Amino acid sequence: MIVDTVDFQTIRAAVELGRHAPSVHNSQPWRWRLERRTLLLQADLRRRLPATDADGRDLIVSCGAALHHTRVALAASGLRAVVHRIPDPQRPDDLAALELVPRHPGDADVELAAAILRRRTDRRRFSTSDVPETMRAALVQRAAEQGALLKVITGSGRRKLESTLREAAAVQDDTPAYRTETAVWSGAQFADDGVPAANLLATPPDPAHGRRFTPGYLRQEPSDEPDGALLAVIGTASDDTLSQLRAGEALSTVLLHATLLGLATCPLSQVLEVDDTRRELRDAVLDGAMAPQLVLRLGFASTESPLPVTPRRRVNEILYREPG
């Protein structure tokens, strides 16, 4: 049905827009395969980061974000995706199969797709303005629509969370393989992946605000005044591959809707990459109520200076068409 009724260029354009999804170290560890009537999302294990992401959690969450971004792009193009997640347990690299049904896009579909190219990971200090409760509630609802929970952490729980973020960074900083891997994936000026110097701070940030990459070009005045950023955890009821994929979809929708609301965002995954701090986050911060999948920093940008678009792999490298 899909190849008979949908022009291939429409699918290609949607995948091209969806490739702007966030991913760990901007590694873009996914690929799409069009097999007659199915658009298949596959994990690209060649792009896994073994020192950073030993258990592959970041990779699956990243693929979930790409899945949702692409669904949004397809909807704006007039295609509703019926998603079958983990369609074949015997093929673990196949994460989702999309059946496409023609439909008329609504204004909300087009608006959300337009947010894809405006979204940035902003590692800079946020303003002191608080995020209104109405915005918090809206983002919590959006995450729930994707089968995940978004929990804003406040008070003593926030202090514990910040402590675990810093602890995870210290553990990884003491790991030579991690330091090498981070250096390889950050600071470049001409590449189609990784985090470029133009999007990185010149001075290493507090790990509670962002990962410490190779120093970049962004400069900001030092300040001891706390900003108004929220720290929130995206979590799921269980901790299997399907849950991690769902968490990535929730991350995507929260980021895009936050962009529409005028919020700046920065995903924080380090605390989930270290076994001890992941357990501490689950038990001491979340009281064992859910399996944490990602931490997200949200707030209002402190500057109107825009960040450049981070590089992306060519669509021909991530979209394959089955012969015949």
Protein backbone atom coordinates (compact mmCIF):
# COMPACT_ATOMS: atom_id res chain seq x y z
CA MET A 1 0.00 0.00 0.00
CA ILE A 2 2.63 2.51 1.01
CA VAL A 3 4.79 2.38 -2.12
CA ASP A 4 1.68 2.35 -4.32
CA THR A 5 0.06 5.44 -2.82
CA VAL A 6 2.91 7.50 -1.37
CA ASP A 7 5.66 9.11 -3.37
CA PHE A 8 9.11 7.99 -2.24
CA GLN A 9 10.28 11.60 -2.17
CA THR A 10 7.66 12.36 0.48
CA ILE A 11 9.09 9.63 2.70
CA ARG A 12 12.62 10.78 1.99
CA ALA A 13 11.75 14.37 2.94
CA ALA A 14 10.19 13.21 6.22
CA VAL A 15 13.23 11.10 7.11
CA GLU A 16 15.45 14.05 6.21
CA LEU A 17 13.57 16.28 8.64
CA GLY A 18 13.35 13.57 11.30
CA ARG A 19 17.13 13.10 11.29
CA HIS A 20 17.35 16.33 13.31
CA ALA A 21 16.29 14.37 16.40
CA PRO A 22 18.63 14.64 19.39
CA SER A 23 20.99 11.76 20.10
CA VAL A 24 23.79 10.97 22.51
CA HIS A 25 26.90 12.87 21.33
CA ASN A 26 24.91 13.63 18.16
CA SER A 27 25.88 10.12 17.06
CA GLN A 28 22.60 9.60 15.11
CA PRO A 29 22.60 5.81 15.70
CA TRP A 30 19.67 4.90 13.47
CA ARG A 31 18.77 3.99 9.95
CA TRP A 32 15.52 3.58 8.04
CA ARG A 33 14.70 0.86 5.55
CA LEU A 34 11.76 0.96 3.17
CA GLU A 35 10.65 -2.63 2.60
CA ARG A 36 7.79 -2.59 0.10
CA ARG A 37 4.94 -1.52 2.39
CA THR A 38 6.81 -0.87 5.61
CA LEU A 39 9.19 1.84 6.78
CA LEU A 40 11.45 0.12 9.28
CA LEU A 41 13.49 1.85 11.99
CA GLN A 42 16.69 -0.01 12.83
CA ALA A 43 19.38 0.60 15.44
CA ASP A 44 22.75 1.27 13.80
CA LEU A 45 25.06 -0.57 16.18
CA ARG A 46 28.11 0.68 14.30
CA ARG A 47 27.46 4.04 15.91
CA ARG A 48 27.15 2.80 19.48
CA LEU A 49 29.42 4.49 22.04
CA PRO A 50 30.84 1.61 24.12
CA ALA A 51 32.58 3.70 26.79
CA THR A 52 29.74 6.20 27.26
CA ASP A 53 26.80 3.88 26.68
CA ALA A 54 27.90 0.42 27.79
CA ASP A 55 24.38 -1.06 28.01
CA GLY A 56 23.03 0.64 24.87
CA ARG A 57 20.37 2.64 26.73
CA ASP A 58 21.35 5.97 25.15
CA LEU A 59 21.25 4.38 21.71
CA ILE A 60 17.67 3.13 22.11
CA VAL A 61 16.45 6.40 23.63
CA SER A 62 18.08 8.26 20.72
CA CYS A 63 16.31 5.99 18.24
CA GLY A 64 13.02 6.63 20.04
CA ALA A 65 13.55 10.37 19.57
CA ALA A 66 14.20 9.80 15.86
CA LEU A 67 11.05 7.68 15.64
CA HIS A 68 8.88 10.45 17.07
CA HIS A 69 10.57 13.23 15.07
CA THR A 70 9.96 11.26 11.88
CA ARG A 71 6.35 10.54 12.82
CA VAL A 72 5.87 14.29 13.28
CA ALA A 73 7.48 15.00 9.91
CA LEU A 74 5.32 12.36 8.20
CA ALA A 75 2.14 13.77 9.77
CA ALA A 76 2.96 17.23 8.45
CA SER A 77 3.45 15.65 5.00
CA GLY A 78 0.00 14.09 5.09
CA LEU A 79 0.89 10.61 6.35
CA ARG A 80 -0.25 9.04 9.61
CA ALA A 81 2.13 6.37 10.91
CA VAL A 82 0.66 3.27 12.52
CA VAL A 83 3.60 2.16 14.65
CA HIS A 84 4.46 -1.43 15.58
CA ARG A 85 7.25 -1.24 18.17
CA ILE A 86 9.70 -4.14 18.45
CA PRO A 87 7.88 -5.89 15.57
CA ASP A 88 10.02 -9.06 15.63
CA PRO A 89 11.70 -10.12 18.90
CA GLN A 90 14.01 -12.36 16.85
CA ARG A 91 15.45 -9.25 15.16
CA PRO A 92 16.40 -6.98 18.08
CA ASP A 93 17.89 -4.28 15.85
CA ASP A 94 14.45 -3.70 14.29
CA LEU A 95 12.90 -1.19 16.65
CA ALA A 96 9.72 -0.09 14.88
CA ALA A 97 7.74 -0.77 11.73
CA LEU A 98 5.61 2.08 10.37
CA GLU A 99 2.55 1.56 8.21
CA LEU A 100 1.68 4.85 6.51
CA VAL A 101 -1.89 5.97 5.94
CA PRO A 102 -2.63 9.11 3.86
CA ARG A 103 -4.45 11.84 5.76
CA HIS A 104 -4.80 15.62 5.65
CA PRO A 105 -2.31 17.35 7.97
CA GLY A 106 -3.73 19.71 10.56
CA ASP A 107 -2.32 23.05 11.62
CA ALA A 108 -0.94 21.47 14.79
CA ASP A 109 0.96 18.86 12.72
CA VAL A 110 2.62 21.54 10.62
CA GLU A 111 3.41 23.70 13.65
CA LEU A 112 5.05 20.83 15.53
CA ALA A 113 7.11 19.83 12.49
CA ALA A 114 8.32 23.41 12.12
CA ALA A 115 9.67 23.22 15.68
CA ILE A 116 12.09 20.45 14.65
CA LEU A 117 14.49 22.84 12.94
CA ARG A 118 14.18 25.42 15.73
CA ARG A 119 14.99 23.06 18.58
CA ARG A 120 18.52 23.14 19.99
CA THR A 121 20.32 21.54 22.90
CA ASP A 122 21.27 24.65 24.88
CA ARG A 123 24.11 24.07 27.34
CA ARG A 124 24.27 27.72 28.38
CA ARG A 125 22.99 29.11 31.67
CA PHE A 126 19.24 29.77 31.61
CA SER A 127 17.54 32.93 32.83
CA THR A 128 16.27 33.37 36.39
CA SER A 129 12.64 33.28 35.22
CA ASP A 130 10.62 30.35 36.54
CA VAL A 131 8.77 27.98 34.22
CA PRO A 132 5.01 28.51 34.80
CA GLU A 133 3.01 25.63 36.23
CA THR A 134 0.77 25.60 33.16
CA MET A 135 3.80 24.84 30.97
CA ARG A 136 4.97 22.11 33.34
CA ALA A 137 1.56 20.45 33.27
CA ALA A 138 1.38 20.62 29.48
CA LEU A 139 4.75 18.90 29.10
CA VAL A 140 3.84 16.22 31.65
CA GLN A 141 0.73 15.49 29.59
CA ARG A 142 2.71 15.29 26.34
CA ALA A 143 5.10 12.73 27.83
CA ALA A 144 2.18 10.66 29.08
CA GLU A 145 0.74 10.55 25.55
CA GLN A 146 3.91 8.72 24.49
CA GLY A 147 3.71 6.15 27.27
CA ALA A 148 6.21 7.74 29.67
CA LEU A 149 6.27 9.86 32.80
CA LEU A 150 7.81 13.31 33.17
CA LYS A 151 8.46 14.15 36.82
CA VAL A 152 9.75 17.56 37.87
CA ILE A 153 12.20 17.18 40.77
CA THR A 154 12.14 19.84 43.49
CA GLY A 155 13.38 20.49 47.02
CA SER A 156 15.64 17.90 48.62
CA GLY A 157 15.05 15.55 45.69
CA ARG A 158 16.59 18.10 43.35
CA ARG A 159 19.64 18.45 45.56
CA LYS A 160 20.07 14.67 45.51
CA LEU A 161 19.64 14.64 41.75
CA GLU A 162 22.27 17.33 41.25
CA SER A 163 24.61 15.37 43.50
CA THR A 164 24.15 12.19 41.45
CA LEU A 165 24.72 14.12 38.20
CA ARG A 166 28.05 15.37 39.52
CA GLU A 167 28.97 11.94 40.87
CA ALA A 168 28.33 10.30 37.49
CA ALA A 169 30.50 12.89 35.75
CA ALA A 170 33.32 12.28 38.22
CA VAL A 171 33.19 8.52 37.61
CA GLN A 172 33.31 8.96 33.85
CA ASP A 173 36.03 11.60 34.02
CA ASP A 174 38.20 9.01 35.77
CA THR A 175 37.68 6.54 32.91
CA PRO A 176 40.32 6.92 30.16
CA ALA A 177 38.18 5.26 27.47
CA TYR A 178 35.32 7.67 28.20
CA ARG A 179 37.59 10.70 28.00
CA THR A 180 38.94 9.51 24.65
CA GLU A 181 35.48 8.78 23.27
CA THR A 182 34.13 12.16 24.34
CA ALA A 183 37.08 13.93 22.73
CA VAL A 184 36.51 12.06 19.46
CA TRP A 185 32.83 13.02 19.35
CA SER A 186 33.09 16.70 20.29
CA GLY A 187 34.82 19.89 19.28
CA ALA A 188 35.14 19.28 15.54
CA GLN A 189 34.41 22.08 13.08
CA PHE A 190 33.73 20.09 9.92
CA ALA A 191 31.86 16.81 10.36
CA ASP A 192 28.41 15.34 9.78
CA ASP A 193 28.01 14.08 13.35
CA GLY A 194 29.29 14.78 16.85
CA VAL A 195 28.90 18.00 18.84
CA PRO A 196 30.72 20.91 17.15
CA ALA A 197 32.74 23.54 18.98
CA ALA A 198 30.19 26.22 18.03
CA ASN A 199 27.61 24.50 20.28
CA LEU A 200 29.89 23.92 23.27
CA LEU A 201 30.89 26.11 26.19
CA ALA A 202 34.43 27.43 26.37
CA THR A 203 34.47 26.75 30.12
CA PRO A 204 33.37 23.28 31.32
CA PRO A 205 29.91 23.53 32.90
CA ASP A 206 28.69 22.23 36.21
CA PRO A 207 27.74 18.59 35.44
CA ALA A 208 24.30 19.36 36.89
CA HIS A 209 23.86 21.69 33.91
CA GLY A 210 25.47 19.70 31.11
CA ARG A 211 28.08 17.19 30.04
CA ARG A 212 31.69 18.33 29.93
CA PHE A 213 32.81 18.02 26.34
CA THR A 214 35.90 19.35 24.60
CA PRO A 215 35.92 23.14 25.22
CA GLY A 216 34.10 25.07 22.51
CA TYR A 217 33.43 28.64 21.41
CA LEU A 218 30.46 29.66 23.56
CA ARG A 219 31.38 32.14 26.27
CA GLN A 220 29.25 33.40 29.13
CA GLU A 221 29.90 35.58 32.13
CA PRO A 222 30.43 33.64 35.39
CA SER A 223 27.60 33.90 37.90
CA ASP A 224 26.84 32.48 41.33
CA GLU A 225 23.15 33.25 40.96
CA PRO A 226 21.00 30.15 40.33
CA ASP A 227 18.97 30.15 37.16
CA GLY A 228 15.30 29.25 36.89
CA ALA A 229 15.81 25.92 35.16
CA LEU A 230 13.68 22.91 35.99
CA LEU A 231 15.20 19.48 36.38
CA ALA A 232 12.83 16.73 35.33
CA VAL A 233 13.19 12.98 34.89
CA ILE A 234 11.65 11.02 32.03
CA GLY A 235 10.80 7.57 33.33
CA THR A 236 8.86 4.43 32.50
CA ALA A 237 7.11 1.65 34.39
CA SER A 238 9.73 -0.91 33.37
CA ASP A 239 13.25 -0.85 31.96
CA ASP A 240 13.27 -2.95 28.80
CA THR A 241 14.00 -1.96 25.21
CA LEU A 242 10.39 -1.02 24.53
CA SER A 243 10.38 1.27 27.58
CA GLN A 244 13.60 2.95 26.47
CA LEU A 245 12.18 3.47 22.98
CA ARG A 246 9.04 5.00 24.48
CA ALA A 247 11.20 7.26 26.65
CA GLY A 248 12.92 8.55 23.51
CA GLU A 249 9.56 9.31 21.93
CA ALA A 250 8.54 11.15 25.09
CA LEU A 251 11.80 13.09 25.03
CA SER A 252 11.09 14.15 21.46
CA THR A 253 7.57 15.38 22.11
CA VAL A 254 8.60 17.23 25.28
CA LEU A 255 11.47 18.95 23.46
CA LEU A 256 9.33 19.99 20.50
CA HIS A 257 6.45 21.27 22.61
CA ALA A 258 8.90 23.06 24.92
CA THR A 259 10.28 24.77 21.82
CA LEU A 260 6.77 25.88 20.86
CA LEU A 261 6.37 27.27 24.38
CA GLY A 262 9.56 29.31 24.04
CA LEU A 263 11.63 27.16 26.42
CA ALA A 264 15.27 26.19 26.11
CA THR A 265 16.17 22.55 26.76
CA CYS A 266 19.16 20.33 27.49
CA PRO A 267 18.95 16.53 27.91
CA LEU A 268 21.28 15.04 30.57
CA SER A 269 22.06 11.33 30.28
CA GLN A 270 25.29 10.89 32.26
CA VAL A 271 23.57 9.87 35.46
CA LEU A 272 21.93 6.95 33.60
CA GLU A 273 25.24 5.78 32.11
CA VAL A 274 26.79 4.81 35.48
CA ASP A 275 25.19 1.87 37.27
CA ASP A 276 25.55 3.24 40.81
CA THR A 277 24.15 6.69 40.03
CA ARG A 278 21.30 5.22 37.97
CA ARG A 279 20.26 3.12 40.98
CA GLU A 280 20.67 6.12 43.29
CA LEU A 281 18.46 8.21 41.04
CA ARG A 282 15.83 5.49 40.96
CA ASP A 283 15.83 4.74 44.68
CA ALA A 284 16.87 7.95 46.47
CA VAL A 285 15.31 10.54 44.16
CA LEU A 286 12.33 8.70 42.67
CA ASP A 287 11.64 6.37 45.63
CA GLY A 288 11.60 3.42 43.24
CA ALA A 289 8.38 4.66 41.66
CA MET A 290 9.64 4.43 38.06
CA ALA A 291 12.65 3.46 35.99
CA PRO A 292 14.55 6.62 35.04
CA GLN A 293 15.55 6.92 31.39
CA LEU A 294 16.77 10.52 31.04
CA VAL A 295 17.10 13.80 32.90
CA LEU A 296 15.98 16.99 31.19
CA ARG A 297 16.85 20.60 31.96
CA LEU A 298 14.21 23.15 30.93
CA GLY A 299 13.99 26.91 31.29
CA PHE A 300 14.06 30.21 29.47
CA ALA A 301 17.20 31.14 27.54
CA SER A 302 19.23 33.91 29.10
CA THR A 303 20.26 35.30 25.73
CA GLU A 304 18.61 35.86 22.37
CA SER A 305 21.82 34.81 20.61
CA PRO A 306 20.81 31.74 18.53
CA LEU A 307 22.77 28.52 18.47
CA PRO A 308 23.78 27.05 15.10
CA VAL A 309 22.24 23.87 13.78
CA THR A 310 24.34 20.83 14.67
CA PRO A 311 25.46 18.74 11.68
CA ARG A 312 23.53 15.78 10.38
CA ARG A 313 24.43 12.75 8.26
CA ARG A 314 23.24 12.77 4.67
CA VAL A 315 19.84 11.21 4.19
CA ASN A 316 21.33 8.73 1.68
CA GLU A 317 23.36 7.27 4.57
CA ILE A 318 20.35 6.57 6.78
CA LEU A 319 17.54 5.69 4.35
CA TYR A 320 17.70 2.48 2.35
CA ARG A 321 15.17 1.25 -0.18
CA GLU A 322 14.53 -2.45 -0.65
CA PRO A 323 15.12 -3.40 -4.33
CA GLY A 324 12.15 -4.54 -6.33
